[in-house]
Amino acid sequence: AYFFTKTAPAPVTSGETASSTVPVPEATQGTAQS
């Protein structure tokens, strides 16, 4: 049981993806970014 839990992949929780990068929304054109 110990070795199984050390090597098994961590579960993906709600709102996450398996990718390590999360896309950032682009700023609305013509709007000042502050």
PDB file of all heavy atoms in Angstrom:
ATOM      1  N   ALA A   1       0.831  -1.212   0.000  1.00  0.00           N
ATOM      2  CA  ALA A   1       0.000   0.000   0.000  1.00  0.00           C
ATOM      3  C   ALA A   1       0.855   1.246   0.000  1.00  0.00           C
ATOM      4  O   ALA A   1       0.553   2.246  -0.651  1.00  0.00           O
ATOM      5  CB  ALA A   1      -0.930  -0.024   1.214  1.00  0.00           C
ATOM      6  N   TYR A   2       1.981   1.207   0.759  1.00  0.00           N
ATOM      7  CA  TYR A   2       2.875   2.371   0.847  1.00  0.00           C
ATOM      8  C   TYR A   2       3.459   2.729  -0.519  1.00  0.00           C
ATOM      9  O   TYR A   2       3.424   3.875  -0.959  1.00  0.00           O
ATOM     10  CB  TYR A   2       4.010   2.062   1.828  1.00  0.00           C
ATOM     11  CG  TYR A   2       5.097   3.119   1.827  1.00  0.00           C
ATOM     12  CD1 TYR A   2       4.929   4.314   2.523  1.00  0.00           C
ATOM     13  CD2 TYR A   2       6.282   2.915   1.116  1.00  0.00           C
ATOM     14  CE1 TYR A   2       5.916   5.288   2.524  1.00  0.00           C
ATOM     15  CE2 TYR A   2       7.273   3.877   1.116  1.00  0.00           C
ATOM     16  CZ  TYR A   2       7.093   5.061   1.826  1.00  0.00           C
ATOM     17  OH  TYR A   2       8.058   6.011   1.835  1.00  0.00           O
ATOM     18  N   PHE A   3       3.995   1.686  -1.226  1.00  0.00           N
ATOM     19  CA  PHE A   3       4.605   1.966  -2.522  1.00  0.00           C
ATOM     20  C   PHE A   3       3.581   2.345  -3.574  1.00  0.00           C
ATOM     21  O   PHE A   3       3.847   3.129  -4.481  1.00  0.00           O
ATOM     22  CB  PHE A   3       5.434   0.767  -2.993  1.00  0.00           C
ATOM     23  CG  PHE A   3       6.763   0.691  -2.314  1.00  0.00           C
ATOM     24  CD1 PHE A   3       6.997  -0.223  -1.300  1.00  0.00           C
ATOM     25  CD2 PHE A   3       7.786   1.563  -2.671  1.00  0.00           C
ATOM     26  CE1 PHE A   3       8.216  -0.274  -0.662  1.00  0.00           C
ATOM     27  CE2 PHE A   3       9.012   1.502  -2.038  1.00  0.00           C
ATOM     28  CZ  PHE A   3       9.240   0.597  -1.018  1.00  0.00           C
ATOM     29  N   PHE A   4       2.366   1.867  -3.490  1.00  0.00           N
ATOM     30  CA  PHE A   4       1.322   2.240  -4.440  1.00  0.00           C
ATOM     31  C   PHE A   4       0.976   3.711  -4.320  1.00  0.00           C
ATOM     32  O   PHE A   4       0.865   4.431  -5.305  1.00  0.00           O
ATOM     33  CB  PHE A   4       0.082   1.367  -4.206  1.00  0.00           C
ATOM     34  CG  PHE A   4      -1.071   1.771  -5.098  1.00  0.00           C
ATOM     35  CD1 PHE A   4      -1.114   1.347  -6.424  1.00  0.00           C
ATOM     36  CD2 PHE A   4      -2.104   2.583  -4.626  1.00  0.00           C
ATOM     37  CE1 PHE A   4      -2.157   1.729  -7.247  1.00  0.00           C
ATOM     38  CE2 PHE A   4      -3.150   2.944  -5.449  1.00  0.00           C
ATOM     39  CZ  PHE A   4      -3.189   2.521  -6.761  1.00  0.00           C
ATOM     40  N   THR A   5       0.813   4.209  -3.113  1.00  0.00           N
ATOM     41  CA  THR A   5       0.445   5.614  -2.917  1.00  0.00           C
ATOM     42  C   THR A   5       1.588   6.534  -3.284  1.00  0.00           C
ATOM     43  O   THR A   5       1.385   7.694  -3.662  1.00  0.00           O
ATOM     44  CB  THR A   5       0.032   5.871  -1.460  1.00  0.00           C
ATOM     45  OG1 THR A   5       1.108   5.503  -0.597  1.00  0.00           O
ATOM     46  CG2 THR A   5      -1.207   5.084  -1.101  1.00  0.00           C
ATOM     47  N   LYS A   6       2.860   6.117  -3.170  1.00  0.00           N
ATOM     48  CA  LYS A   6       3.990   6.972  -3.525  1.00  0.00           C
ATOM     49  C   LYS A   6       4.094   7.156  -5.029  1.00  0.00           C
ATOM     50  O   LYS A   6       4.578   8.174  -5.516  1.00  0.00           O
ATOM     51  CB  LYS A   6       5.292   6.367  -3.005  1.00  0.00           C
ATOM     52  CG  LYS A   6       5.459   6.439  -1.508  1.00  0.00           C
ATOM     53  CD  LYS A   6       5.679   7.856  -1.017  1.00  0.00           C
ATOM     54  CE  LYS A   6       7.089   8.300  -1.285  1.00  0.00           C
ATOM     55  NZ  LYS A   6       7.355   9.633  -0.730  1.00  0.00           N
ATOM     56  N   THR A   7       3.661   6.155  -5.823  1.00  0.00           N
ATOM     57  CA  THR A   7       3.848   6.214  -7.267  1.00  0.00           C
ATOM     58  C   THR A   7       2.587   6.570  -8.022  1.00  0.00           C
ATOM     59  O   THR A   7       2.652   6.955  -9.185  1.00  0.00           O
ATOM     60  CB  THR A   7       4.361   4.864  -7.787  1.00  0.00           C
ATOM     61  OG1 THR A   7       3.429   3.839  -7.438  1.00  0.00           O
ATOM     62  CG2 THR A   7       5.720   4.545  -7.194  1.00  0.00           C
ATOM     63  N   ALA A   8       1.440   6.496  -7.389  1.00  0.00           N
ATOM     64  CA  ALA A   8       0.187   6.794  -8.071  1.00  0.00           C
ATOM     65  C   ALA A   8       0.077   8.277  -8.344  1.00  0.00           C
ATOM     66  O   ALA A   8       0.514   9.093  -7.537  1.00  0.00           O
ATOM     67  CB  ALA A   8      -1.004   6.335  -7.211  1.00  0.00           C
ATOM     68  N   PRO A   9      -0.500   8.709  -9.501  1.00  0.00           N
ATOM     69  CA  PRO A   9      -0.655  10.127  -9.791  1.00  0.00           C
ATOM     70  C   PRO A   9      -1.650  10.770  -8.853  1.00  0.00           C
ATOM     71  O   PRO A   9      -2.621  10.147  -8.422  1.00  0.00           O
ATOM     72  CB  PRO A   9      -1.165  10.126 -11.240  1.00  0.00           C
ATOM     73  CG  PRO A   9      -1.829   8.786 -11.423  1.00  0.00           C
ATOM     74  CD  PRO A   9      -1.035   7.836 -10.582  1.00  0.00           C
ATOM     75  N   ALA A  10      -1.394  12.057  -8.524  1.00  0.00           N
ATOM     76  CA  ALA A  10      -2.324  12.783  -7.660  1.00  0.00           C
ATOM     77  C   ALA A  10      -3.607  13.035  -8.415  1.00  0.00           C
ATOM     78  O   ALA A  10      -3.608  13.240  -9.623  1.00  0.00           O
ATOM     79  CB  ALA A  10      -1.701  14.126  -7.248  1.00  0.00           C
ATOM     80  N   PRO A  11      -4.743  13.006  -7.742  1.00  0.00           N
ATOM     81  CA  PRO A  11      -6.014  13.233  -8.421  1.00  0.00           C
ATOM     82  C   PRO A  11      -6.123  14.670  -8.912  1.00  0.00           C
ATOM     83  O   PRO A  11      -5.564  15.577  -8.339  1.00  0.00           O
ATOM     84  CB  PRO A  11      -7.046  12.957  -7.317  1.00  0.00           C
ATOM     85  CG  PRO A  11      -6.316  13.227  -6.044  1.00  0.00           C
ATOM     86  CD  PRO A  11      -4.911  12.805  -6.304  1.00  0.00           C
ATOM     87  N   VAL A  12      -6.844  14.865 -10.020  1.00  0.00           N
ATOM     88  CA  VAL A  12      -7.129  16.200 -10.544  1.00  0.00           C
ATOM     89  C   VAL A  12      -8.403  16.690  -9.894  1.00  0.00           C
ATOM     90  O   VAL A  12      -9.462  16.075 -10.022  1.00  0.00           O
ATOM     91  CB  VAL A  12      -7.283  16.160 -12.081  1.00  0.00           C
ATOM     92  CG1 VAL A  12      -7.660  17.531 -12.609  1.00  0.00           C
ATOM     93  CG2 VAL A  12      -5.993  15.674 -12.721  1.00  0.00           C
ATOM     94  N   THR A  13      -8.308  17.824  -9.184  1.00  0.00           N
ATOM     95  CA  THR A  13      -9.476  18.349  -8.488  1.00  0.00           C
ATOM     96  C   THR A  13     -10.271  19.247  -9.398  1.00  0.00           C
ATOM     97  O   THR A  13      -9.815  19.663 -10.470  1.00  0.00           O
ATOM     98  CB  THR A  13      -9.052  19.142  -7.241  1.00  0.00           C
ATOM     99  OG1 THR A  13      -8.216  20.221  -7.665  1.00  0.00           O
ATOM    100  CG2 THR A  13      -8.270  18.264  -6.283  1.00  0.00           C
ATOM    101  N   SER A  14     -11.475  19.589  -9.000  1.00  0.00           N
ATOM    102  CA  SER A  14     -12.359  20.435  -9.779  1.00  0.00           C
ATOM    103  C   SER A  14     -11.703  21.783 -10.073  1.00  0.00           C
ATOM    104  O   SER A  14     -11.147  22.405  -9.193  1.00  0.00           O
ATOM    105  CB  SER A  14     -13.659  20.671  -9.001  1.00  0.00           C
ATOM    106  OG  SER A  14     -14.496  21.554  -9.699  1.00  0.00           O
ATOM    107  N   GLY A  15     -11.764  22.228 -11.339  1.00  0.00           N
ATOM    108  CA  GLY A  15     -11.205  23.523 -11.710  1.00  0.00           C
ATOM    109  C   GLY A  15      -9.764  23.457 -12.150  1.00  0.00           C
ATOM    110  O   GLY A  15      -9.207  24.448 -12.586  1.00  0.00           O
ATOM    111  N   GLU A  16      -9.100  22.307 -12.067  1.00  0.00           N
ATOM    112  CA  GLU A  16      -7.719  22.164 -12.489  1.00  0.00           C
ATOM    113  C   GLU A  16      -7.660  21.268 -13.717  1.00  0.00           C
ATOM    114  O   GLU A  16      -8.581  20.505 -13.995  1.00  0.00           O
ATOM    115  CB  GLU A  16      -6.865  21.545 -11.380  1.00  0.00           C
ATOM    116  CG  GLU A  16      -6.740  22.394 -10.138  1.00  0.00           C
ATOM    117  CD  GLU A  16      -5.911  21.704  -9.072  1.00  0.00           C
ATOM    118  OE1 GLU A  16      -5.715  20.474  -9.180  1.00  0.00           O
ATOM    119  OE2 GLU A  16      -5.464  22.396  -8.174  1.00  0.00           O
ATOM    120  N   THR A  17      -6.542  21.379 -14.445  1.00  0.00           N
ATOM    121  CA  THR A  17      -6.281  20.458 -15.540  1.00  0.00           C
ATOM    122  C   THR A  17      -4.943  19.790 -15.289  1.00  0.00           C
ATOM    123  O   THR A  17      -4.165  20.231 -14.446  1.00  0.00           O
ATOM    124  CB  THR A  17      -6.226  21.199 -16.891  1.00  0.00           C
ATOM    125  OG1 THR A  17      -5.077  22.044 -16.886  1.00  0.00           O
ATOM    126  CG2 THR A  17      -7.472  22.038 -17.122  1.00  0.00           C
ATOM    127  N   ALA A  18      -4.647  18.758 -16.038  1.00  0.00           N
ATOM    128  CA  ALA A  18      -3.376  18.069 -15.877  1.00  0.00           C
ATOM    129  C   ALA A  18      -2.217  18.915 -16.366  1.00  0.00           C
ATOM    130  O   ALA A  18      -1.076  18.649 -16.051  1.00  0.00           O
ATOM    131  CB  ALA A  18      -3.410  16.736 -16.635  1.00  0.00           C
ATOM    132  N   SER A  19      -2.507  19.947 -17.168  1.00  0.00           N
ATOM    133  CA  SER A  19      -1.443  20.816 -17.669  1.00  0.00           C
ATOM    134  C   SER A  19      -0.896  21.666 -16.538  1.00  0.00           C
ATOM    135  O   SER A  19      -1.603  22.045 -15.615  1.00  0.00           O
ATOM    136  CB  SER A  19      -2.005  21.731 -18.770  1.00  0.00           C
ATOM    137  OG  SER A  19      -1.055  22.710 -19.127  1.00  0.00           O
ATOM    138  N   SER A  20       0.417  22.014 -16.619  1.00  0.00           N
ATOM    139  CA  SER A  20       1.045  22.832 -15.595  1.00  0.00           C
ATOM    140  C   SER A  20       0.828  24.319 -15.827  1.00  0.00           C
ATOM    141  O   SER A  20       1.204  25.138 -15.006  1.00  0.00           O
ATOM    142  CB  SER A  20       2.552  22.554 -15.553  1.00  0.00           C
ATOM    143  OG  SER A  20       3.141  22.860 -16.804  1.00  0.00           O
ATOM    144  N   THR A  21       0.252  24.721 -16.981  1.00  0.00           N
ATOM    145  CA  THR A  21       0.027  26.135 -17.276  1.00  0.00           C
ATOM    146  C   THR A  21      -1.462  26.422 -17.298  1.00  0.00           C
ATOM    147  O   THR A  21      -2.257  25.633 -17.798  1.00  0.00           O
ATOM    148  CB  THR A  21       0.634  26.524 -18.630  1.00  0.00           C
ATOM    149  OG1 THR A  21       0.048  25.719 -19.657  1.00  0.00           O
ATOM    150  CG2 THR A  21       2.139  26.314 -18.630  1.00  0.00           C
ATOM    151  N   VAL A  22      -1.826  27.563 -16.746  1.00  0.00           N
ATOM    152  CA  VAL A  22      -3.217  27.985 -16.726  1.00  0.00           C
ATOM    153  C   VAL A  22      -3.340  29.203 -17.616  1.00  0.00           C
ATOM    154  O   VAL A  22      -2.620  30.186 -17.435  1.00  0.00           O
ATOM    155  CB  VAL A  22      -3.672  28.335 -15.294  1.00  0.00           C
ATOM    156  CG1 VAL A  22      -5.117  28.789 -15.298  1.00  0.00           C
ATOM    157  CG2 VAL A  22      -3.505  27.125 -14.394  1.00  0.00           C
ATOM    158  N   PRO A  23      -4.200  29.193 -18.632  1.00  0.00           N
ATOM    159  CA  PRO A  23      -4.298  30.326 -19.541  1.00  0.00           C
ATOM    160  C   PRO A  23      -4.774  31.584 -18.817  1.00  0.00           C
ATOM    161  O   PRO A  23      -5.640  31.523 -17.948  1.00  0.00           O
ATOM    162  CB  PRO A  23      -5.329  29.863 -20.583  1.00  0.00           C
ATOM    163  CG  PRO A  23      -6.105  28.780 -19.901  1.00  0.00           C
ATOM    164  CD  PRO A  23      -5.139  28.118 -18.970  1.00  0.00           C
ATOM    165  N   VAL A  24      -4.169  32.732 -19.171  1.00  0.00           N
ATOM    166  CA  VAL A  24      -4.540  34.014 -18.586  1.00  0.00           C
ATOM    167  C   VAL A  24      -5.405  34.758 -19.585  1.00  0.00           C
ATOM    168  O   VAL A  24      -5.027  34.892 -20.753  1.00  0.00           O
ATOM    169  CB  VAL A  24      -3.286  34.848 -18.252  1.00  0.00           C
ATOM    170  CG1 VAL A  24      -3.676  36.200 -17.680  1.00  0.00           C
ATOM    171  CG2 VAL A  24      -2.412  34.097 -17.272  1.00  0.00           C
ATOM    172  N   PRO A  25      -6.585  35.246 -19.191  1.00  0.00           N
ATOM    173  CA  PRO A  25      -7.443  35.960 -20.137  1.00  0.00           C
ATOM    174  C   PRO A  25      -6.739  37.195 -20.688  1.00  0.00           C
ATOM    175  O   PRO A  25      -6.020  37.889 -19.978  1.00  0.00           O
ATOM    176  CB  PRO A  25      -8.655  36.353 -19.276  1.00  0.00           C
ATOM    177  CG  PRO A  25      -8.614  35.441 -18.108  1.00  0.00           C
ATOM    178  CD  PRO A  25      -7.178  35.136 -17.866  1.00  0.00           C
ATOM    179  N   GLU A  26      -6.939  37.487 -21.960  1.00  0.00           N
ATOM    180  CA  GLU A  26      -6.357  38.674 -22.559  1.00  0.00           C
ATOM    181  C   GLU A  26      -7.105  39.912 -22.078  1.00  0.00           C
ATOM    182  O   GLU A  26      -8.303  39.873 -21.810  1.00  0.00           O
ATOM    183  CB  GLU A  26      -6.433  38.595 -24.090  1.00  0.00           C
ATOM    184  CG  GLU A  26      -5.543  37.505 -24.676  1.00  0.00           C
ATOM    185  CD  GLU A  26      -5.580  37.517 -26.185  1.00  0.00           C
ATOM    186  OE1 GLU A  26      -6.277  38.382 -26.745  1.00  0.00           O
ATOM    187  OE2 GLU A  26      -4.915  36.667 -26.793  1.00  0.00           O
ATOM    188  N   ALA A  27      -6.367  41.043 -21.995  1.00  0.00           N
ATOM    189  CA  ALA A  27      -7.001  42.296 -21.596  1.00  0.00           C
ATOM    190  C   ALA A  27      -7.959  42.751 -22.689  1.00  0.00           C
ATOM    191  O   ALA A  27      -7.737  42.532 -23.872  1.00  0.00           O
ATOM    192  CB  ALA A  27      -5.941  43.372 -21.359  1.00  0.00           C
ATOM    193  N   THR A  28      -9.038  43.384 -22.276  1.00  0.00           N
ATOM    194  CA  THR A  28      -9.990  43.928 -23.236  1.00  0.00           C
ATOM    195  C   THR A  28      -9.336  45.034 -24.043  1.00  0.00           C
ATOM    196  O   THR A  28      -8.710  45.930 -23.491  1.00  0.00           O
ATOM    197  CB  THR A  28     -11.222  44.492 -22.497  1.00  0.00           C
ATOM    198  OG1 THR A  28     -11.782  43.448 -21.700  1.00  0.00           O
ATOM    199  CG2 THR A  28     -12.265  44.983 -23.477  1.00  0.00           C
ATOM    200  N   GLN A  29      -9.468  44.990 -25.356  1.00  0.00           N
ATOM    201  CA  GLN A  29      -8.827  45.979 -26.218  1.00  0.00           C
ATOM    202  C   GLN A  29      -9.359  47.372 -25.908  1.00  0.00           C
ATOM    203  O   GLN A  29     -10.557  47.587 -25.769  1.00  0.00           O
ATOM    204  CB  GLN A  29      -9.086  45.637 -27.682  1.00  0.00           C
ATOM    205  CG  GLN A  29      -8.350  46.550 -28.661  1.00  0.00           C
ATOM    206  CD  GLN A  29      -8.544  46.113 -30.084  1.00  0.00           C
ATOM    207  OE1 GLN A  29      -9.263  45.171 -30.352  1.00  0.00           O
ATOM    208  NE2 GLN A  29      -7.896  46.802 -31.009  1.00  0.00           N
ATOM    209  N   GLY A  30      -8.428  48.329 -25.787  1.00  0.00           N
ATOM    210  CA  GLY A  30      -8.813  49.713 -25.550  1.00  0.00           C
ATOM    211  C   GLY A  30      -9.038  50.060 -24.093  1.00  0.00           C
ATOM    212  O   GLY A  30      -9.385  51.188 -23.778  1.00  0.00           O
ATOM    213  N   THR A  31      -8.851  49.110 -23.203  1.00  0.00           N
ATOM    214  CA  THR A  31      -9.057  49.352 -21.776  1.00  0.00           C
ATOM    215  C   THR A  31      -7.720  49.453 -21.067  1.00  0.00           C
ATOM    216  O   THR A  31      -6.850  48.615 -21.250  1.00  0.00           O
ATOM    217  CB  THR A  31      -9.880  48.210 -21.141  1.00  0.00           C
ATOM    218  OG1 THR A  31     -11.123  48.107 -21.835  1.00  0.00           O
ATOM    219  CG2 THR A  31     -10.146  48.475 -19.675  1.00  0.00           C
ATOM    220  N   ALA A  32      -7.549  50.492 -20.254  1.00  0.00           N
ATOM    221  CA  ALA A  32      -6.294  50.664 -19.516  1.00  0.00           C
ATOM    222  C   ALA A  32      -6.109  49.502 -18.550  1.00  0.00           C
ATOM    223  O   ALA A  32      -7.047  49.091 -17.868  1.00  0.00           O
ATOM    224  CB  ALA A  32      -6.298  51.982 -18.770  1.00  0.00           C
ATOM    225  N   GLN A  33      -4.907  48.953 -18.497  1.00  0.00           N
ATOM    226  CA  GLN A  33      -4.575  47.898 -17.554  1.00  0.00           C
ATOM    227  C   GLN A  33      -3.861  48.544 -16.375  1.00  0.00           C
ATOM    228  O   GLN A  33      -2.859  49.214 -16.544  1.00  0.00           O
ATOM    229  CB  GLN A  33      -3.675  46.867 -18.220  1.00  0.00           C
ATOM    230  CG  GLN A  33      -4.269  46.273 -19.490  1.00  0.00           C
ATOM    231  CD  GLN A  33      -3.259  45.466 -20.253  1.00  0.00           C
ATOM    232  OE1 GLN A  33      -2.622  44.582 -19.701  1.00  0.00           O
ATOM    233  NE2 GLN A  33      -3.102  45.758 -21.523  1.00  0.00           N
ATOM    234  N   SER A  34      -4.372  48.359 -15.166  1.00  0.00           N
ATOM    235  CA  SER A  34      -3.835  49.081 -14.017  1.00  0.00           C
ATOM    236  C   SER A  34      -3.571  48.146 -12.860  1.00  0.00           C
ATOM    237  O   SER A  34      -4.293  47.175 -12.653  1.00  0.00           O
ATOM    238  CB  SER A  34      -4.822  50.166 -13.573  1.00  0.00           C
ATOM    239  OG  SER A  34      -4.361  50.820 -12.415  1.00  0.00           O
TER     240      SER A  34
END
